[in-house]
Protein backbone atom coordinates (compact mmCIF):
# COMPACT_ATOMS: atom_id res chain seq x y z
CA UNK A 1 -0.31 0.29 0.04
CA UNK A 2 1.08 2.93 -0.95
CA UNK A 3 2.05 5.96 1.67
CA UNK A 4 -0.36 8.42 0.36
CA UNK A 5 -3.02 5.51 0.25
CA UNK A 6 -2.15 4.50 3.73
CA UNK A 7 -2.48 8.06 5.00
CA UNK A 8 -6.13 8.64 3.28
CA UNK A 9 -7.32 5.61 4.41
CA UNK A 10 -6.31 6.32 8.24
CA UNK A 11 -7.68 9.94 8.00
CA UNK A 12 -11.07 8.39 6.97
CA UNK A 13 -11.14 5.75 9.61
CA UNK A 14 -10.28 8.81 12.12
CA UNK A 15 -13.00 10.79 10.75
CA UNK A 16 -15.35 8.13 11.31
CA UNK A 17 -14.56 7.52 15.25
CA UNK A 18 -14.48 11.30 15.82
CA UNK A 19 -17.81 11.65 14.88
CA UNK A 20 -18.94 8.98 16.86
CA UNK A 21 -17.59 9.68 19.64
CA UNK A 22 -19.08 13.38 19.29
CA UNK A 23 -22.57 12.09 18.80
CA UNK A 24 -22.12 9.62 21.98
CA UNK A 25 -20.89 12.60 23.62
CA UNK A 26 -23.65 14.84 22.38
CA UNK A 27 -26.26 11.96 23.66
CA UNK A 28 -24.74 11.94 26.96
CA UNK A 29 -25.22 15.55 27.70
CA UNK A 30 -28.46 15.64 26.36
CA UNK A 31 -29.11 12.89 28.90
CA UNK A 32 -27.11 14.51 31.89
CA UNK A 33 -29.09 17.86 31.37
CA UNK A 34 -32.84 16.13 31.61
CA UNK A 35 -31.58 14.07 34.89
CA UNK A 36 -30.46 17.54 36.24
CA UNK A 37 -33.80 19.10 35.51
CA UNK A 38 -36.05 16.36 37.05
CA UNK A 39 -33.73 15.96 39.93
CA UNK A 40 -34.28 20.10 40.24
CA UNK A 41 -37.79 19.64 40.19
CA UNK A 42 -37.88 16.47 42.64
CA UNK A 43 -36.01 19.10 45.02
CA UNK A 44 -38.11 21.76 44.44
CA UNK A 45 -41.28 19.91 45.16
CA UNK A 46 -42.82 20.52 48.54
CA UNK A 47 -42.89 17.47 50.78
CA UNK A 48 -46.28 15.84 51.80
CA UNK A 49 -47.93 16.69 55.14
CA UNK A 50 -46.92 14.29 57.86
CA UNK A 51 -48.71 11.15 58.49
CA UNK A 52 -51.05 11.62 61.51
CA UNK A 53 -49.92 8.75 64.07
CA UNK A 54 -52.43 6.08 64.85
CA UNK A 55 -54.26 5.84 67.63
CA UNK A 56 -55.08 2.76 69.49
CA UNK A 57 -58.66 3.22 68.87
CA UNK A 58 -57.79 2.51 65.46
CA UNK A 59 -57.82 -1.27 63.81
CA UNK A 60 -55.70 -0.75 60.64
CA UNK A 61 -52.45 0.60 60.61
CA UNK A 62 -51.55 3.24 58.41
CA UNK A 63 -48.49 2.65 56.22
CA UNK A 64 -47.43 6.03 54.42
CA UNK A 65 -46.48 5.67 50.87
CA UNK A 66 -43.55 7.25 48.98
CA UNK A 67 -44.53 8.78 45.71
CA UNK A 68 -42.57 5.85 43.89
CA UNK A 69 -44.64 3.33 45.90
CA UNK A 70 -48.21 5.14 44.86
CA UNK A 71 -46.94 5.25 41.32
CA UNK A 72 -46.02 1.56 41.42
CA UNK A 73 -49.63 0.36 42.92
CA UNK A 74 -51.44 2.74 40.35
CA UNK A 75 -49.53 0.72 37.62
CA UNK A 76 -50.21 -2.64 39.06
CA UNK A 77 -54.15 -1.99 39.74
CA UNK A 78 -54.34 -0.47 36.20
CA UNK A 79 -53.05 -4.12 34.89
CA UNK A 80 -55.07 -6.26 37.22
CA UNK A 81 -58.26 -4.23 37.68
CA UNK A 82 -58.36 -2.26 34.65
CA UNK A 83 -57.43 -5.17 32.62
CA UNK A 84 -54.97 -2.85 30.29
CA UNK A 85 -52.15 -4.57 28.61
CA UNK A 86 -48.79 -3.45 30.07
CA UNK A 87 -48.00 -1.19 27.51
CA UNK A 88 -51.06 0.50 27.28
CA UNK A 89 -50.29 1.18 31.25
CA UNK A 90 -47.76 3.76 30.48
CA UNK A 91 -49.38 5.10 28.01
CA UNK A 92 -52.79 6.05 29.77
CA UNK A 93 -50.22 7.46 32.62
CA UNK A 94 -48.89 9.78 29.95
CA UNK A 95 -52.38 11.09 28.83
CA UNK A 96 -53.60 11.82 32.62
CA UNK A 97 -50.38 13.11 33.70
CA UNK A 98 -50.99 16.75 33.12
CA UNK A 99 -54.34 16.69 34.91
CA UNK A 100 -53.49 14.13 38.02
CA UNK A 101 -50.12 15.51 38.62
CA UNK A 102 -48.66 12.10 39.13
CA UNK A 103 -45.16 12.17 41.33
CA UNK A 104 -43.09 11.02 38.70
CA UNK A 105 -42.96 10.31 35.14
CA UNK A 106 -44.78 7.14 33.61
CA UNK A 107 -42.56 3.79 33.91
CA UNK A 108 -41.48 1.91 31.05
CA UNK A 109 -43.85 -1.05 30.45
CA UNK A 110 -41.19 -3.66 31.29
CA UNK A 111 -41.24 -1.79 34.78
CA UNK A 112 -45.14 -2.59 34.91
CA UNK A 113 -44.37 -6.38 33.98
CA UNK A 114 -41.92 -6.59 36.71
CA UNK A 115 -44.25 -5.23 39.38
CA UNK A 116 -46.98 -7.62 38.38
CA UNK A 117 -45.34 -10.52 38.41
CA UNK A 118 -44.02 -9.77 41.81
CA UNK A 119 -47.67 -9.23 43.02
CA UNK A 120 -48.63 -12.71 41.72
CA UNK A 121 -45.31 -14.78 43.17
CA UNK A 122 -46.21 -13.01 46.69
CA UNK A 123 -49.85 -14.45 45.78
CA UNK A 124 -48.23 -18.19 45.47
CA UNK A 125 -46.16 -17.41 48.13
CA UNK A 126 -48.94 -16.58 50.74
CA UNK A 127 -50.91 -20.04 49.88
CA UNK A 128 -52.32 -22.02 53.03
CA UNK A 129 -54.87 -24.48 53.93
CA UNK A 130 -58.61 -23.60 54.09
CA UNK A 131 -61.10 -25.03 56.53
CA UNK A 132 -63.97 -25.75 54.27
CA UNK A 133 -63.39 -28.53 51.51
CA UNK A 134 -62.09 -27.64 47.72
CA UNK A 135 -61.68 -29.10 44.14
CA UNK A 136 -58.42 -29.19 42.58
CA UNK A 137 -58.61 -27.83 38.73
CA UNK A 138 -55.73 -29.43 36.85
CA UNK A 139 -54.24 -28.46 33.34
CA UNK A 140 -51.41 -28.31 30.94
CA UNK A 141 -50.85 -25.71 28.19
CA UNK A 142 -50.33 -26.97 24.99
CA UNK A 143 -47.46 -27.37 23.14
CA UNK A 144 -46.41 -24.37 22.13
CA UNK A 145 -43.56 -22.49 22.92
CA UNK A 146 -40.01 -24.37 24.57
CA UNK A 147 -41.65 -24.56 28.18
CA UNK A 148 -45.11 -25.83 29.25
CA UNK A 149 -46.80 -24.58 32.27
CA UNK A 150 -48.35 -26.88 34.86
CA UNK A 151 -51.77 -24.85 36.73
CA UNK A 152 -53.31 -25.99 39.75
CA UNK A 153 -56.46 -24.15 40.93
CA UNK A 154 -58.46 -24.32 44.00
CA UNK A 155 -62.16 -24.28 44.07
CA UNK A 156 -64.07 -24.24 47.24
CA UNK A 157 -67.51 -26.53 47.07
CA UNK A 158 -69.48 -23.98 48.77
CA UNK A 159 -68.70 -21.37 45.88
CA UNK A 160 -70.59 -24.03 43.11
CA UNK A 161 -73.16 -24.26 45.84
CA UNK A 162 -73.96 -20.53 45.84
CA UNK A 163 -73.53 -19.49 42.24
CA UNK A 164 -74.83 -22.68 40.41
CA UNK A 165 -73.50 -21.06 36.85
CA UNK A 166 -70.05 -21.63 35.13
CA UNK A 167 -66.86 -21.02 36.96
CA UNK A 168 -65.26 -17.38 36.43
CA UNK A 169 -61.98 -16.09 37.72
CA UNK A 170 -63.32 -14.82 40.58
CA UNK A 171 -64.54 -18.03 41.84
CA UNK A 172 -60.90 -19.57 41.20
CA UNK A 173 -57.70 -18.98 43.28
CA UNK A 174 -54.38 -20.31 42.11
CA UNK A 175 -52.30 -22.23 44.08
CA UNK A 176 -49.67 -23.91 42.05
CA UNK A 177 -48.17 -22.32 38.56
CA UNK A 178 -45.03 -24.26 37.54
CA UNK A 179 -42.95 -23.72 34.43
CA UNK A 180 -40.66 -26.65 32.80
CA UNK A 181 -39.33 -27.72 29.75
CA UNK A 182 -41.17 -31.00 29.81
CA UNK A 183 -43.72 -32.94 31.98
CA UNK A 184 -44.54 -36.54 32.93
CA UNK A 185 -45.94 -38.84 35.49
CA UNK A 186 -43.44 -38.32 37.78
CA UNK A 187 -42.78 -34.54 38.13
CA UNK A 188 -46.44 -34.21 37.88
CA UNK A 189 -46.46 -36.06 40.84
CA UNK A 190 -44.02 -34.02 42.50
CA UNK A 191 -45.41 -30.61 41.84
CA UNK A 192 -48.54 -32.02 43.30
CA UNK A 193 -46.99 -33.14 46.63
CA UNK A 194 -45.00 -29.56 46.89
CA UNK A 195 -48.52 -27.52 46.14
CA UNK A 196 -50.53 -29.65 48.47
CA UNK A 197 -47.98 -29.60 51.16
CA UNK A 198 -49.01 -25.95 51.30
CA UNK A 199 -52.54 -26.16 50.34
CA UNK A 200 -53.81 -28.82 51.87
CA UNK A 201 -55.36 -31.85 50.31
CA UNK A 202 -58.49 -31.63 48.29
CA UNK A 203 -61.60 -33.45 48.28
CA UNK A 204 -61.64 -33.98 44.16
CA UNK A 205 -59.77 -33.36 41.41
CA UNK A 206 -60.96 -32.58 38.05
CA UNK A 207 -58.56 -33.23 35.29
CA UNK A 208 -58.74 -33.99 31.54
CA UNK A 209 -58.05 -37.06 30.14
CA UNK A 210 -54.62 -36.70 29.59
CA UNK A 211 -52.08 -39.69 30.70
CA UNK A 212 -49.63 -37.57 32.03
CA UNK A 213 -52.20 -35.97 34.39
CA UNK A 214 -53.45 -39.26 35.21
CA UNK A 215 -50.16 -41.39 35.93
CA UNK A 216 -49.35 -38.30 38.02
CA UNK A 217 -52.43 -38.24 39.93
CA UNK A 218 -52.14 -42.02 40.54
CA UNK A 219 -48.21 -41.43 41.70
CA UNK A 220 -49.00 -39.11 44.44
CA UNK A 221 -51.76 -40.79 45.62
CA UNK A 222 -49.35 -43.76 45.89
CA UNK A 223 -46.55 -41.70 47.60
CA UNK A 224 -48.76 -40.69 50.40
CA UNK A 225 -51.62 -38.58 49.30
CA UNK A 226 -53.88 -38.02 52.19
CA UNK A 227 -57.86 -39.12 52.40
CA UNK A 228 -60.30 -40.29 49.94
CA UNK A 229 -59.88 -38.01 46.94
CA UNK A 230 -62.49 -38.40 43.71
CA UNK A 231 -61.17 -38.24 40.47
CA UNK A 232 -63.64 -36.35 38.21
CA UNK A 233 -63.17 -36.44 34.47
CA UNK A 234 -64.15 -33.33 32.25
CA UNK A 235 -67.47 -33.94 30.15
CA UNK A 236 -66.31 -32.12 27.15
CA UNK A 237 -62.85 -34.14 26.96
CA UNK A 238 -65.06 -37.45 27.36
CA UNK A 239 -67.34 -36.41 24.69
CA UNK A 240 -64.26 -35.52 22.41
CA UNK A 241 -62.84 -39.07 23.24
CA UNK A 242 -65.83 -40.77 22.40
CA UNK A 243 -66.56 -38.79 18.90
CA UNK A 244 -62.62 -39.42 18.01
CA UNK A 245 -63.14 -43.48 18.97
CA UNK A 246 -66.23 -43.51 17.10
CA UNK A 247 -65.05 -41.21 13.84
CA UNK A 248 -61.21 -40.69 13.54
CA UNK A 249 -61.04 -44.08 11.69
CA UNK A 250 -63.58 -43.60 9.40
CA UNK A 251 -62.12 -43.19 6.03
CA UNK A 252 -65.27 -40.91 4.82
CA UNK A 253 -64.36 -39.04 7.99
CA UNK A 254 -60.53 -38.64 7.06
CA UNK A 255 -61.66 -37.62 3.04
CA UNK A 256 -63.68 -34.61 4.83
CA UNK A 257 -60.92 -33.30 6.89
CA UNK A 258 -58.62 -33.38 3.75
CA UNK A 259 -61.21 -31.59 1.57
CA UNK A 260 -61.89 -28.90 4.40
CA UNK A 261 -58.10 -28.50 4.76
CA UNK A 262 -57.59 -27.89 0.71
CA UNK A 263 -60.48 -25.39 0.82
CA UNK A 264 -59.20 -23.44 3.55
CA UNK A 265 -55.61 -23.29 1.47
CA UNK A 266 -57.66 -22.38 -1.62
CA UNK A 267 -59.91 -20.05 -0.14
CA UNK A 268 -57.47 -17.96 2.12
CA UNK A 269 -56.36 -15.46 -0.67
CA UNK A 270 -59.23 -15.77 -2.94
CA UNK A 271 -62.25 -13.26 -3.50
CA UNK A 272 -64.74 -15.40 -1.26
CA UNK A 273 -62.27 -15.92 1.77
CA UNK A 274 -65.24 -15.18 4.07
CA UNK A 275 -66.05 -18.79 3.47
CA UNK A 276 -62.75 -20.14 5.19
CA UNK A 277 -63.55 -22.98 7.50
CA UNK A 278 -62.59 -22.56 11.30
CA UNK A 279 -58.92 -23.95 12.20
CA UNK A 280 -59.50 -26.61 15.07
CA UNK A 281 -55.87 -27.86 16.31
CA UNK A 282 -55.29 -31.62 15.16
CA UNK A 283 -54.78 -32.56 18.89
CA UNK A 284 -57.98 -30.89 20.12
CA UNK A 285 -60.27 -31.02 16.51
CA UNK A 286 -63.13 -33.17 18.32
CA UNK A 287 -63.62 -30.32 20.98
CA UNK A 288 -64.28 -27.92 18.63
CA UNK A 289 -65.96 -30.04 15.86
CA UNK A 290 -69.04 -28.32 16.47
CA UNK A 291 -67.99 -25.15 14.72
CA UNK A 292 -66.87 -27.50 12.20
CA UNK A 293 -70.35 -29.10 11.70
CA UNK A 294 -71.98 -25.85 11.49
CA UNK A 295 -69.60 -24.38 8.89
CA UNK A 296 -70.28 -27.42 7.08
CA UNK A 297 -73.97 -27.37 7.43
CA UNK A 298 -73.89 -23.70 5.92
CA UNK A 299 -71.47 -24.55 3.18
CA UNK A 300 -73.49 -27.29 1.77
CA UNK A 301 -76.97 -25.55 1.42
CA UNK A 302 -75.16 -23.29 -1.25
CA UNK A 303 -73.60 -26.13 -3.12
CA UNK A 304 -75.25 -27.13 -6.27
CA UNK A 305 -74.44 -30.59 -8.29
CA UNK A 306 -71.25 -31.50 -9.91
CA UNK A 307 -70.13 -30.19 -13.22
CA UNK A 308 -68.18 -27.38 -14.63
CA UNK A 309 -69.70 -23.67 -14.56
CA UNK A 310 -69.10 -21.67 -18.16
CA UNK A 311 -65.39 -19.99 -18.36
CA UNK A 312 -66.60 -16.58 -17.80
CA UNK A 313 -68.54 -17.47 -14.95
CA UNK A 314 -66.08 -16.29 -12.10
CA UNK A 315 -68.26 -18.70 -9.47
CA UNK A 316 -65.42 -20.91 -8.04
CA UNK A 317 -66.35 -23.98 -5.75
CA UNK A 318 -66.28 -23.23 -2.22
CA UNK A 319 -65.09 -26.05 -1.16
CA UNK A 320 -61.93 -27.04 -3.56
CA UNK A 321 -61.66 -23.61 -5.73
CA UNK A 322 -62.57 -25.47 -9.19
CA UNK A 323 -65.21 -24.08 -11.67
CA UNK A 324 -67.89 -26.76 -10.26
CA UNK A 325 -71.97 -26.28 -10.93
CA UNK A 326 -73.70 -24.55 -8.82
CA UNK A 327 -77.44 -24.85 -9.49
CA UNK A 328 -79.83 -21.49 -9.55
CA UNK A 329 -81.99 -22.83 -6.63
CA UNK A 330 -78.71 -22.77 -4.23
CA UNK A 331 -76.31 -19.89 -5.95
CA UNK A 332 -76.26 -17.27 -3.29
CA UNK A 333 -77.14 -13.73 -4.27
CA UNK A 334 -74.87 -10.81 -3.44
CA UNK A 335 -77.31 -9.96 -0.24
CA UNK A 336 -76.68 -13.45 0.75
CA UNK A 337 -72.81 -13.33 0.58
CA UNK A 338 -72.38 -9.95 2.19
CA UNK A 339 -74.77 -11.58 4.95
CA UNK A 340 -72.34 -14.34 5.44
């Protein structure tokens, strides 16, 4: 490399480094000025009035809250009670800040996530036995992602007698939430033993027909499960297993599922994409088979006989996408199509 070329290359690299250092220094100065202004505003803010001491007559203890504690409690309440997303909480606080005079700027949404998770962890650690009998609800998450979570809920029997309707979140109490890479009977039995050691033993179990949950219950019972525990099977899973045993091996059902899959692929990007069949997981297909049956019943009423339409008709088959024949009696009008 010639001396002149080496000198020019060194000059260019030095210029790039100098520009980058100047930009970084300018950004650091801007952040420093912002922090100094915020610190000065906090110093000049009047201090809150001292909290009155608690008299012996009062039963509840008054805990003074600092501005940071108040903003944390407000963020957690917006996420849990107002059911706002974690990203929406800072945005909502930013909208109310000019009117509510918040003690500090809205935090980042990751801080809201951290504070809410701490509340959930504290609730799990404070689980204790209760006097009245209760039912345990067990379920595993689906195979999505790397890890799976085992959730154990506690529902008192008096709640079922009082409501008489379907359970809600207010009726249940989460007493166990364990995340692992994989689950089997032994790990489920160990998780049940750890959870029921803190929460007490239930009088009944409500679970689906999964083999891992069944084996985990059997192992927990054989290793020292206390009392007589009744196992209640989920009605929807039992019906789904019965339908699977009856129809899964039929050739006609398999052909129908294949045709529906082809229809979903061909209708997805077409002009009549509103005819796309509902998506069902293969593992839980028979749990949502009612939606698929209703779709098939509606679509079969719009299909005519076999054959092909004229080349310029522009009416593809809503099942396979081909130019099949649709009888005039079953051909949908534009108003019917828009209604669908």
